[in-house]
Amino acid sequence: MNHSYQNLFVGVDSQVPLLDGTLRRYINLDNAASTPSLRAVQEAVNNFLPYYSSVHRGTGFKSQLSTHAYEQARQAVLRFVGADPVKHTCIFGKNTTEAINKLARRFPFTAEKDVVITSGMEHHSNDLPWRSVARTVHVGLTPDGRLDEADFDAKMKAFGSRVALVAITGASNVTGFLIPIHRLAEKAHKAGAQILVDCAQLAPHRQVDLLPLDEPAHLDYVTISAHKMYAPFGTGALVGRRDTFESGDPDLRGGGTVEIVTLDDVVWAEPPDRDEAGSPNTIGAVALAAAIAQLNAIGMDSVSQHEAELTEYALRRLRNLPAVHVYGDTDPANAPTRLGVIPFSIKDVMHFKASAILGYEFGVGVRSGCFCAHPYILHLLGLTAEEARQVRERMLGKDKSDMPGLIRASFGLYNSLEDVDGFIEALTKIAGGDYKGVYTQDITTGEYHPAGWQPDFEGYFKVPAEVVS
């Protein structure tokens, strides 16, 4: 590996307590959920805080500076995804989930164009919002979990001019598969539809480019989440066609969304103000811009190369663990064409239990369950409709003790080959039954905890209840 990026991040050398009473450097392999902060982000926020004030229309210096910073951050996001500041707009919100819900409420569906084409591999955030506003059609998947493009073509043809929007992920948060988004965009536009790409997983790892609106393969809308891009300060963005947001009522109404209000009438503001009700998360916007600047300095090609090396190395080492079954693409040679997201199971060890042991006894953070993509996990596990129904009934009865799921390891820019080695060592011991704790399960959540022990969280951080002067 040619480069280590660990010195660019906050907290990656933190020691955490283990069940045996020792401390160990934490190995965070849960980056597909959230990422730690870049030092550049921390510094930008700390430098900005003394000047933080209200944005827009404030006459004081700090208010004007805050407005300037907020709008600079907006321009940084537009540039990062290749948007045209004249033809596109950037609407800040708290995350990708909110951004997609906003587009679902603001998209101009009609009686003639009322179909959204999505897929069976989506995060719930790019599935559930569409179900409430349009007929939502799911494209099928191949047995290993890839998008079935032949089925995509068939469904586009079947619904024809009724398709208003294709809503597709740019990269799976479960298997790391990359989607041919620009090819699908060209097909969508040829059918008279638009396309949204959920870039929550894609943007931290690959270059995103909307392309000019007059190119057939352009993307109409993309969404990103800062907490997956090393800027965990509570913001995200919807970037898309300005003309969509120049008309219609905003989904949230209040301060900042209007030009003028009388007792009888409202004139809405131009985008993006129309869709940013209330006081915005200015600090979050500054944090996101700082993360973008750091990623640009590194180069997205270097980011993807580093993570591909980690993924290839991990997949090669996992091949030597017969008790571990990897889902999706298991070929190390294909690491450059996918993200560093590896879903797996361990023979005879419940996914909830294995992930608990990894954390409590080895200081390795992963995620287990269905990763907010229940239909996709059921597909990967090969559950029949009847088996899925039985699981649903047990879960509705507050029993998640045998809930289907997988374990997911996901890499970030700061991870190293040593992190992979520590992870593999832990898996080897767990698969061989070499762990110390006696674990009990909470059937209402499915989660396992070591009997009679829990970390002293307040010894590491405590939310202030009082300040002694």
Protein backbone atom coordinates (compact mmCIF):
# COMPACT_ATOMS: atom_id res chain seq x y z
CA MET A 1 0.00 0.00 0.00
CA ASN A 2 1.53 3.26 -1.15
CA HIS A 3 -0.06 5.71 1.26
CA SER A 4 -1.46 5.93 4.75
CA TYR A 5 -4.19 8.51 5.33
CA GLN A 6 -4.69 7.89 9.04
CA ASN A 7 -3.06 11.16 10.11
CA LEU A 8 -5.83 13.04 8.27
CA PHE A 9 -8.55 11.77 10.62
CA VAL A 10 -9.78 12.35 14.15
CA GLY A 11 -9.84 9.47 16.64
CA VAL A 12 -8.56 6.61 14.50
CA ASP A 13 -5.93 5.74 17.13
CA SER A 14 -8.43 5.72 20.02
CA GLN A 15 -8.16 2.88 22.53
CA VAL A 16 -11.36 1.12 23.56
CA PRO A 17 -12.05 -1.26 26.49
CA LEU A 18 -12.44 -5.00 25.88
CA LEU A 19 -14.25 -7.65 27.86
CA ASP A 20 -10.98 -8.99 29.33
CA GLY A 21 -10.14 -5.61 30.87
CA THR A 22 -7.51 -4.59 28.34
CA LEU A 23 -7.51 -1.69 25.90
CA ARG A 24 -7.06 -2.00 22.15
CA ARG A 25 -6.93 0.41 19.23
CA TYR A 26 -10.39 0.51 17.72
CA ILE A 27 -10.73 -0.92 14.20
CA ASN A 28 -13.72 0.78 12.62
CA LEU A 29 -15.11 -1.24 9.71
CA ASP A 30 -18.58 0.32 9.77
CA ASN A 31 -17.90 3.15 7.35
CA ALA A 32 -20.87 2.37 5.10
CA ALA A 33 -23.03 3.60 8.00
CA SER A 34 -21.04 6.66 9.16
CA THR A 35 -17.46 7.84 8.98
CA PRO A 36 -15.19 9.63 11.46
CA SER A 37 -14.29 13.27 10.99
CA LEU A 38 -11.42 14.50 8.91
CA ARG A 39 -9.03 16.76 10.84
CA ALA A 40 -9.57 19.37 8.15
CA VAL A 41 -13.28 19.30 8.95
CA GLN A 42 -12.68 19.64 12.68
CA GLU A 43 -10.31 22.56 12.07
CA ALA A 44 -12.71 24.31 9.68
CA VAL A 45 -15.57 24.04 12.18
CA ASN A 46 -13.40 25.25 15.07
CA ASN A 47 -12.17 28.19 12.99
CA PHE A 48 -15.70 29.10 11.95
CA LEU A 49 -17.42 28.82 15.35
CA PRO A 50 -16.21 32.19 16.68
CA TYR A 51 -17.93 33.87 13.73
CA TYR A 52 -21.07 31.74 13.58
CA SER A 53 -24.29 33.73 13.32
CA SER A 54 -27.61 33.75 11.50
CA VAL A 55 -27.50 33.59 7.74
CA HIS A 56 -29.35 35.65 5.11
CA ARG A 57 -30.58 39.17 5.69
CA GLY A 58 -28.55 39.80 8.82
CA THR A 59 -26.71 43.12 8.67
CA GLY A 60 -23.96 42.43 11.21
CA PHE A 61 -20.46 41.31 10.22
CA LYS A 62 -20.81 37.80 11.66
CA SER A 63 -24.14 37.28 9.95
CA GLN A 64 -22.71 38.43 6.64
CA LEU A 65 -19.66 36.22 7.08
CA SER A 66 -21.83 33.22 7.96
CA THR A 67 -23.97 33.83 4.89
CA HIS A 68 -20.84 34.06 2.77
CA ALA A 69 -19.52 30.77 4.17
CA TYR A 70 -22.86 29.01 3.73
CA GLU A 71 -23.16 30.03 0.09
CA GLN A 72 -19.51 29.15 -0.57
CA ALA A 73 -20.26 25.68 0.78
CA ARG A 74 -23.21 25.40 -1.60
CA GLN A 75 -20.95 26.22 -4.55
CA ALA A 76 -18.41 23.65 -3.35
CA VAL A 77 -21.08 20.92 -3.42
CA LEU A 78 -22.22 21.97 -6.91
CA ARG A 79 -18.63 21.76 -8.20
CA PHE A 80 -18.01 18.42 -6.47
CA VAL A 81 -20.77 16.71 -8.46
CA GLY A 82 -20.13 18.56 -11.72
CA ALA A 83 -23.29 20.67 -11.54
CA ASP A 84 -23.98 23.82 -13.54
CA PRO A 85 -24.79 26.60 -11.00
CA VAL A 86 -27.17 28.17 -13.52
CA LYS A 87 -29.13 25.07 -14.46
CA HIS A 88 -28.83 23.15 -11.18
CA THR A 89 -29.52 23.97 -7.58
CA CYS A 90 -28.13 22.59 -4.32
CA ILE A 91 -30.63 22.21 -1.49
CA PHE A 92 -29.16 21.50 1.92
CA GLY A 93 -30.93 19.21 4.38
CA LYS A 94 -29.90 16.87 7.14
CA ASN A 95 -29.05 13.78 5.06
CA THR A 96 -29.81 11.75 1.93
CA THR A 97 -33.00 10.35 3.43
CA GLU A 98 -34.45 13.82 3.84
CA ALA A 99 -33.23 14.83 0.38
CA ILE A 100 -34.99 11.92 -1.33
CA ASN A 101 -38.17 12.52 0.64
CA LYS A 102 -38.06 16.15 -0.46
CA LEU A 103 -37.73 15.21 -4.12
CA ALA A 104 -40.56 12.69 -3.74
CA ARG A 105 -42.84 15.45 -2.44
CA ARG A 106 -41.67 18.02 -4.98
CA PHE A 107 -41.38 15.95 -8.16
CA PRO A 108 -44.04 16.91 -10.73
CA PHE A 109 -45.88 13.60 -11.14
CA THR A 110 -48.99 13.63 -13.32
CA ALA A 111 -51.81 11.22 -14.05
CA GLU A 112 -50.03 10.32 -17.28
CA LYS A 113 -46.56 10.01 -15.74
CA ASP A 114 -47.01 8.30 -12.39
CA VAL A 115 -44.45 5.46 -12.29
CA VAL A 116 -41.11 5.32 -10.51
CA ILE A 117 -38.70 2.59 -11.52
CA THR A 118 -36.36 1.57 -8.71
CA SER A 119 -34.65 -1.70 -7.78
CA GLY A 120 -34.70 -4.50 -5.26
CA MET A 121 -31.26 -3.52 -3.98
CA GLU A 122 -32.12 -0.06 -2.68
CA HIS A 123 -31.60 1.34 0.77
CA HIS A 124 -35.04 1.97 2.25
CA SER A 125 -34.44 5.70 1.81
CA ASN A 126 -34.62 5.29 -1.96
CA ASP A 127 -37.63 3.02 -1.91
CA LEU A 128 -40.14 3.94 0.79
CA PRO A 129 -40.52 7.64 -0.14
CA TRP A 130 -41.60 6.73 -3.68
CA ARG A 131 -44.23 4.24 -2.54
CA SER A 132 -46.29 7.06 -1.01
CA VAL A 133 -46.36 9.29 -4.10
CA ALA A 134 -46.29 7.07 -7.19
CA ARG A 135 -46.61 3.55 -8.49
CA THR A 136 -43.25 2.09 -7.55
CA VAL A 137 -41.87 -0.73 -9.68
CA HIS A 138 -38.84 -2.75 -8.56
CA VAL A 139 -36.30 -4.07 -11.05
CA GLY A 140 -35.17 -7.62 -10.34
CA LEU A 141 -31.71 -8.83 -9.36
CA THR A 142 -29.34 -11.58 -10.39
CA PRO A 143 -28.76 -14.41 -7.88
CA ASP A 144 -25.56 -12.77 -6.58
CA GLY A 145 -27.31 -9.44 -6.08
CA ARG A 146 -26.47 -7.40 -9.16
CA LEU A 147 -29.01 -5.24 -10.94
CA ASP A 148 -30.69 -7.24 -13.71
CA GLU A 149 -30.36 -4.75 -16.53
CA ALA A 150 -32.41 -6.91 -18.88
CA ASP A 151 -35.28 -6.66 -16.40
CA PHE A 152 -34.71 -2.91 -16.18
CA ASP A 153 -35.11 -2.69 -19.94
CA ALA A 154 -38.22 -4.86 -19.84
CA LYS A 155 -39.89 -2.76 -17.15
CA MET A 156 -39.02 0.50 -18.91
CA LYS A 157 -40.62 -0.89 -22.05
CA ALA A 158 -43.66 -2.25 -20.21
CA PHE A 159 -44.52 1.07 -18.55
CA GLY A 160 -43.32 3.25 -21.43
CA SER A 161 -44.36 6.89 -21.29
CA ARG A 162 -45.85 6.42 -17.81
CA VAL A 163 -42.34 6.29 -16.29
CA ALA A 164 -41.68 9.66 -14.71
CA LEU A 165 -38.51 8.84 -12.81
CA VAL A 166 -35.82 6.21 -12.42
CA ALA A 167 -34.60 6.23 -8.80
CA ILE A 168 -31.49 4.10 -8.44
CA THR A 169 -28.55 3.77 -6.09
CA GLY A 170 -25.10 4.63 -7.38
CA ALA A 171 -23.52 1.88 -5.27
CA SER A 172 -25.00 -0.75 -2.97
CA ASN A 173 -24.57 -0.22 0.76
CA VAL A 174 -24.77 -4.03 1.18
CA THR A 175 -22.58 -5.58 -1.52
CA GLY A 176 -20.64 -2.59 -2.85
CA PHE A 177 -21.81 -3.24 -6.40
CA LEU A 178 -21.47 -0.20 -8.67
CA ILE A 179 -24.41 0.61 -10.92
CA PRO A 180 -24.00 1.78 -14.56
CA ILE A 181 -25.79 5.00 -13.72
CA HIS A 182 -24.99 6.94 -16.87
CA ARG A 183 -26.09 4.06 -19.10
CA LEU A 184 -29.35 3.80 -17.18
CA ALA A 185 -29.72 7.58 -17.41
CA GLU A 186 -29.50 7.44 -21.18
CA LYS A 187 -32.20 4.76 -21.27
CA ALA A 188 -34.40 6.77 -18.91
CA HIS A 189 -34.12 9.94 -20.98
CA LYS A 190 -34.81 8.06 -24.19
CA ALA A 191 -38.11 6.97 -22.62
CA GLY A 192 -38.94 10.53 -21.58
CA ALA A 193 -38.15 10.01 -17.89
CA GLN A 194 -35.71 11.63 -15.50
CA ILE A 195 -33.26 9.94 -13.15
CA LEU A 196 -32.27 10.33 -9.49
CA VAL A 197 -29.11 8.64 -8.26
CA ASP A 198 -28.74 8.01 -4.53
CA CYS A 199 -25.03 8.78 -4.10
CA ALA A 200 -24.86 8.35 -0.32
CA GLN A 201 -22.54 5.34 -0.75
CA LEU A 202 -20.97 6.38 -4.04
CA ALA A 203 -19.82 9.94 -3.37
CA PRO A 204 -17.26 9.19 -0.61
CA HIS A 205 -15.50 6.65 -2.84
CA ARG A 206 -15.91 7.62 -6.51
CA GLN A 207 -16.17 10.75 -8.60
CA VAL A 208 -19.77 11.84 -9.25
CA ASP A 209 -20.52 13.83 -12.40
CA LEU A 210 -24.01 15.00 -13.32
CA LEU A 211 -22.90 15.94 -16.86
CA PRO A 212 -24.55 18.80 -18.80
CA LEU A 213 -28.32 18.56 -19.18
CA ASP A 214 -28.03 18.34 -22.97
CA GLU A 215 -26.02 15.11 -22.78
CA PRO A 216 -28.19 11.97 -23.02
CA ALA A 217 -26.36 10.28 -20.12
CA HIS A 218 -26.73 13.17 -17.66
CA LEU A 219 -28.09 12.71 -14.15
CA ASP A 220 -31.06 14.88 -13.22
CA TYR A 221 -30.70 14.61 -9.43
CA VAL A 222 -28.14 13.26 -6.97
CA THR A 223 -28.15 13.09 -3.19
CA ILE A 224 -25.24 12.94 -0.73
CA SER A 225 -24.79 12.63 3.03
CA ALA A 226 -21.92 14.42 4.78
CA HIS A 227 -21.80 11.86 7.61
CA LYS A 228 -20.63 9.26 5.08
CA MET A 229 -18.04 11.71 3.70
CA TYR A 230 -16.02 12.30 6.89
CA ALA A 231 -18.04 15.36 7.93
CA PRO A 232 -20.42 14.11 10.66
CA PHE A 233 -22.09 17.44 11.45
CA GLY A 234 -25.62 16.66 10.36
CA THR A 235 -26.06 17.79 6.79
CA GLY A 236 -26.67 16.43 3.32
CA ALA A 237 -27.62 17.77 -0.07
CA LEU A 238 -30.01 17.31 -2.95
CA VAL A 239 -28.49 18.59 -6.19
CA GLY A 240 -30.70 18.68 -9.24
CA ARG A 241 -32.48 20.49 -11.99
CA ARG A 242 -33.31 24.05 -11.02
CA ASP A 243 -36.46 24.08 -13.17
CA THR A 244 -38.05 21.38 -10.99
CA PHE A 245 -37.83 23.62 -7.93
CA GLU A 246 -38.76 26.91 -9.61
CA SER A 247 -42.45 26.04 -9.43
CA GLY A 248 -44.80 24.44 -6.96
CA ASP A 249 -45.15 24.85 -3.23
CA PRO A 250 -42.33 23.83 -0.90
CA ASP A 251 -42.88 20.71 1.18
CA LEU A 252 -41.87 22.59 4.34
CA ARG A 253 -43.18 26.12 4.82
CA GLY A 254 -41.90 28.86 7.03
CA GLY A 255 -39.15 31.40 7.44
CA GLY A 256 -36.77 31.82 4.53
CA THR A 257 -39.04 30.22 1.92
CA VAL A 258 -40.87 33.35 0.79
CA GLU A 259 -40.43 36.64 -1.02
CA ILE A 260 -43.52 38.24 0.46
CA VAL A 261 -46.49 37.22 2.63
CA THR A 262 -49.80 38.94 3.14
CA LEU A 263 -52.87 37.69 4.95
CA ASP A 264 -54.26 36.64 1.58
CA ASP A 265 -51.27 35.56 -0.48
CA VAL A 266 -47.77 34.08 -0.49
CA VAL A 267 -45.05 34.54 -3.10
CA TRP A 268 -42.47 31.80 -2.75
CA ALA A 269 -38.74 32.47 -3.00
CA GLU A 270 -36.58 31.22 -5.85
CA PRO A 271 -34.61 27.98 -5.40
CA PRO A 272 -32.85 26.92 -3.31
CA ASP A 273 -34.36 29.22 -0.64
CA ARG A 274 -37.89 27.99 -1.37
CA ASP A 275 -36.89 24.52 -0.16
CA GLU A 276 -34.74 25.41 2.85
CA ALA A 277 -37.28 26.36 5.49
CA GLY A 278 -36.01 27.67 8.82
CA SER A 279 -32.48 28.35 9.99
CA PRO A 280 -30.09 26.07 8.12
CA ASN A 281 -27.25 23.94 9.45
CA THR A 282 -24.52 26.39 8.48
CA ILE A 283 -21.85 24.57 10.46
CA GLY A 284 -22.78 21.31 8.73
CA ALA A 285 -22.47 23.00 5.33
CA VAL A 286 -19.03 24.36 6.24
CA ALA A 287 -18.00 20.88 7.43
CA LEU A 288 -19.14 19.27 4.19
CA ALA A 289 -17.26 21.84 2.11
CA ALA A 290 -14.11 21.19 4.14
CA ALA A 291 -14.45 17.44 3.56
CA ILE A 292 -14.91 18.02 -0.16
CA ALA A 293 -11.78 20.17 -0.24
CA GLN A 294 -9.76 17.43 1.47
CA LEU A 295 -11.11 14.70 -0.81
CA ASN A 296 -10.33 16.84 -3.84
CA ALA A 297 -6.79 17.38 -2.56
CA ILE A 298 -6.31 13.63 -2.21
CA GLY A 299 -8.05 12.90 -5.51
CA MET A 300 -10.98 10.54 -5.90
CA ASP A 301 -8.87 8.22 -8.05
CA SER A 302 -6.42 7.86 -5.16
CA VAL A 303 -9.32 7.25 -2.77
CA SER A 304 -10.72 4.45 -4.91
CA GLN A 305 -7.28 2.91 -5.47
CA HIS A 306 -6.53 2.82 -1.74
CA GLU A 307 -9.86 1.21 -0.92
CA ALA A 308 -9.52 -1.29 -3.78
CA GLU A 309 -6.22 -2.47 -2.29
CA LEU A 310 -7.90 -2.99 1.06
CA THR A 311 -10.81 -4.85 -0.52
CA GLU A 312 -8.60 -7.11 -2.62
CA TYR A 313 -6.43 -7.97 0.39
CA ALA A 314 -9.46 -8.69 2.59
CA LEU A 315 -11.15 -10.90 0.00
CA ARG A 316 -7.95 -12.89 -0.51
CA ARG A 317 -7.57 -13.48 3.22
CA LEU A 318 -11.24 -14.36 3.65
CA ARG A 319 -10.80 -17.17 1.12
CA ASN A 320 -8.68 -18.94 3.73
CA LEU A 321 -11.54 -19.01 6.24
CA PRO A 322 -13.85 -21.87 5.20
CA ALA A 323 -16.39 -21.03 7.91
CA VAL A 324 -16.89 -17.53 6.47
CA HIS A 325 -19.26 -17.12 3.52
CA VAL A 326 -18.98 -13.88 1.56
CA TYR A 327 -21.98 -12.62 -0.45
CA GLY A 328 -21.92 -10.66 -3.68
CA ASP A 329 -18.69 -10.53 -5.68
CA THR A 330 -16.03 -12.64 -3.95
CA ASP A 331 -13.30 -12.27 -6.60
CA PRO A 332 -10.35 -10.21 -5.30
CA ALA A 333 -9.42 -9.27 -8.87
CA ASN A 334 -12.67 -7.33 -9.18
CA ALA A 335 -11.92 -5.03 -6.24
CA PRO A 336 -11.29 -1.96 -8.45
CA THR A 337 -14.78 -2.25 -9.96
CA ARG A 338 -16.70 -2.30 -6.67
CA LEU A 339 -16.72 -0.54 -3.31
CA GLY A 340 -15.07 -1.85 -0.17
CA VAL A 341 -18.27 -3.23 1.34
CA ILE A 342 -18.13 -6.93 2.26
CA PRO A 343 -21.23 -8.76 3.56
CA PHE A 344 -20.65 -12.18 5.10
CA SER A 345 -21.82 -14.82 7.55
CA ILE A 346 -19.99 -17.21 9.86
CA LYS A 347 -21.08 -20.82 9.96
CA ASP A 348 -23.07 -21.72 13.09
CA VAL A 349 -22.67 -18.23 14.61
CA MET A 350 -25.66 -15.87 14.55
CA HIS A 351 -24.82 -12.59 12.80
CA PHE A 352 -25.93 -10.59 15.86
CA LYS A 353 -23.68 -12.66 18.10
CA ALA A 354 -20.64 -12.59 15.81
CA SER A 355 -20.78 -8.81 15.49
CA ALA A 356 -21.09 -8.46 19.28
CA ILE A 357 -18.04 -10.63 19.88
CA LEU A 358 -16.06 -8.64 17.33
CA GLY A 359 -16.77 -5.48 19.28
CA TYR A 360 -16.60 -6.65 22.88
CA GLU A 361 -13.57 -8.93 22.58
CA PHE A 362 -11.55 -7.66 19.62
CA GLY A 363 -12.35 -3.95 19.33
CA VAL A 364 -13.61 -4.33 15.77
CA GLY A 365 -16.67 -2.30 14.79
CA VAL A 366 -18.92 -3.81 12.11
CA ARG A 367 -22.65 -3.83 11.49
CA SER A 368 -25.09 -6.73 11.44
CA GLY A 369 -28.67 -7.19 10.33
CA CYS A 370 -30.30 -6.01 7.13
CA PHE A 371 -28.61 -2.61 6.71
CA CYS A 372 -31.88 -0.78 5.92
CA ALA A 373 -32.25 -2.93 2.82
CA HIS A 374 -34.56 -5.75 3.94
CA PRO A 375 -35.72 -6.96 0.49
CA TYR A 376 -32.12 -7.10 -0.73
CA ILE A 377 -30.93 -9.18 2.22
CA LEU A 378 -33.82 -11.61 1.83
CA HIS A 379 -32.84 -11.98 -1.83
CA LEU A 380 -29.16 -12.58 -1.04
CA LEU A 381 -30.07 -15.17 1.61
CA GLY A 382 -32.42 -16.92 -0.81
CA LEU A 383 -35.44 -16.91 1.49
CA THR A 384 -38.70 -18.04 -0.03
CA ALA A 385 -41.82 -15.90 0.19
CA GLU A 386 -43.21 -18.24 2.87
CA GLU A 387 -40.00 -18.08 4.91
CA ALA A 388 -40.02 -14.29 4.67
CA ARG A 389 -43.66 -14.26 5.81
CA GLN A 390 -42.85 -16.39 8.84
CA VAL A 391 -39.97 -14.11 9.78
CA ARG A 392 -42.25 -11.11 9.47
CA GLU A 393 -44.82 -12.68 11.78
CA ARG A 394 -42.21 -13.43 14.44
CA MET A 395 -40.81 -9.90 14.24
CA LEU A 396 -44.30 -8.42 14.54
CA GLY A 397 -44.59 -10.53 17.68
CA LYS A 398 -41.52 -8.72 19.09
CA ASP A 399 -39.25 -11.72 18.56
CA LYS A 400 -36.12 -10.96 16.53
CA SER A 401 -34.09 -13.82 17.95
CA ASP A 402 -33.63 -15.48 14.56
CA MET A 403 -33.98 -12.43 12.31
CA PRO A 404 -32.22 -13.05 8.99
CA GLY A 405 -29.21 -10.88 8.33
CA LEU A 406 -25.54 -10.65 7.55
CA ILE A 407 -22.42 -9.05 8.98
CA ARG A 408 -20.98 -6.14 7.02
CA ALA A 409 -17.41 -4.85 7.01
CA SER A 410 -16.89 -1.61 5.12
CA PHE A 411 -13.71 0.32 4.50
CA GLY A 412 -12.92 4.00 4.72
CA LEU A 413 -9.99 6.02 3.48
CA TYR A 414 -8.15 5.79 6.81
CA ASN A 415 -8.29 1.99 7.10
CA SER A 416 -5.08 0.00 6.65
CA LEU A 417 -3.87 -3.49 5.83
CA GLU A 418 -3.16 -3.87 9.57
CA ASP A 419 -6.85 -3.23 10.20
CA VAL A 420 -7.69 -6.07 7.82
CA ASP A 421 -5.22 -8.36 9.59
CA GLY A 422 -6.81 -7.60 12.97
CA PHE A 423 -10.25 -8.26 11.51
CA ILE A 424 -9.23 -11.60 9.97
CA GLU A 425 -7.54 -12.69 13.19
CA ALA A 426 -10.75 -11.98 15.10
CA LEU A 427 -12.91 -13.85 12.57
CA THR A 428 -10.57 -16.85 12.73
CA LYS A 429 -10.97 -17.06 16.50
CA ILE A 430 -14.74 -16.58 16.45
CA ALA A 431 -15.17 -19.25 13.77
CA GLY A 432 -13.10 -21.61 15.93
CA GLY A 433 -15.10 -20.87 19.07
CA ASP A 434 -12.12 -19.11 20.64
CA TYR A 435 -13.83 -16.32 22.57
CA LYS A 436 -14.22 -15.71 26.30
CA GLY A 437 -17.63 -14.17 26.97
CA VAL A 438 -20.94 -15.79 27.79
CA TYR A 439 -23.48 -13.92 25.68
CA THR A 440 -27.19 -13.43 26.25
CA GLN A 441 -29.67 -12.29 23.63
CA ASP A 442 -32.39 -9.68 23.91
CA ILE A 443 -35.07 -11.27 21.73
CA THR A 444 -36.88 -7.96 21.19
CA THR A 445 -33.83 -6.53 19.37
CA GLY A 446 -31.94 -9.71 18.49
CA GLU A 447 -28.75 -8.21 19.91
CA TYR A 448 -26.24 -10.06 22.09
CA HIS A 449 -24.38 -8.71 25.12
CA PRO A 450 -21.83 -10.33 27.42
CA ALA A 451 -23.48 -11.44 30.62
CA GLY A 452 -22.62 -9.29 33.63
CA TRP A 453 -20.48 -6.71 31.81
CA GLN A 454 -20.85 -3.49 29.95
CA PRO A 455 -18.42 -0.68 29.09
CA ASP A 456 -18.15 2.36 31.34
CA PHE A 457 -19.34 4.78 28.68
CA GLU A 458 -19.37 7.80 30.98
CA GLY A 459 -15.70 7.21 31.72
CA TYR A 460 -15.03 8.10 28.09
CA PHE A 461 -17.64 10.75 27.44
CA LYS A 462 -20.51 12.21 29.38
CA VAL A 463 -23.05 14.70 28.13
CA PRO A 464 -22.60 17.74 30.42
CA ALA A 465 -25.39 18.02 32.97
CA GLU A 466 -23.89 20.95 34.81
CA VAL A 467 -20.86 23.17 34.54
CA VAL A 468 -18.91 24.03 37.65
CA SER A 469 -17.58 27.58 37.46
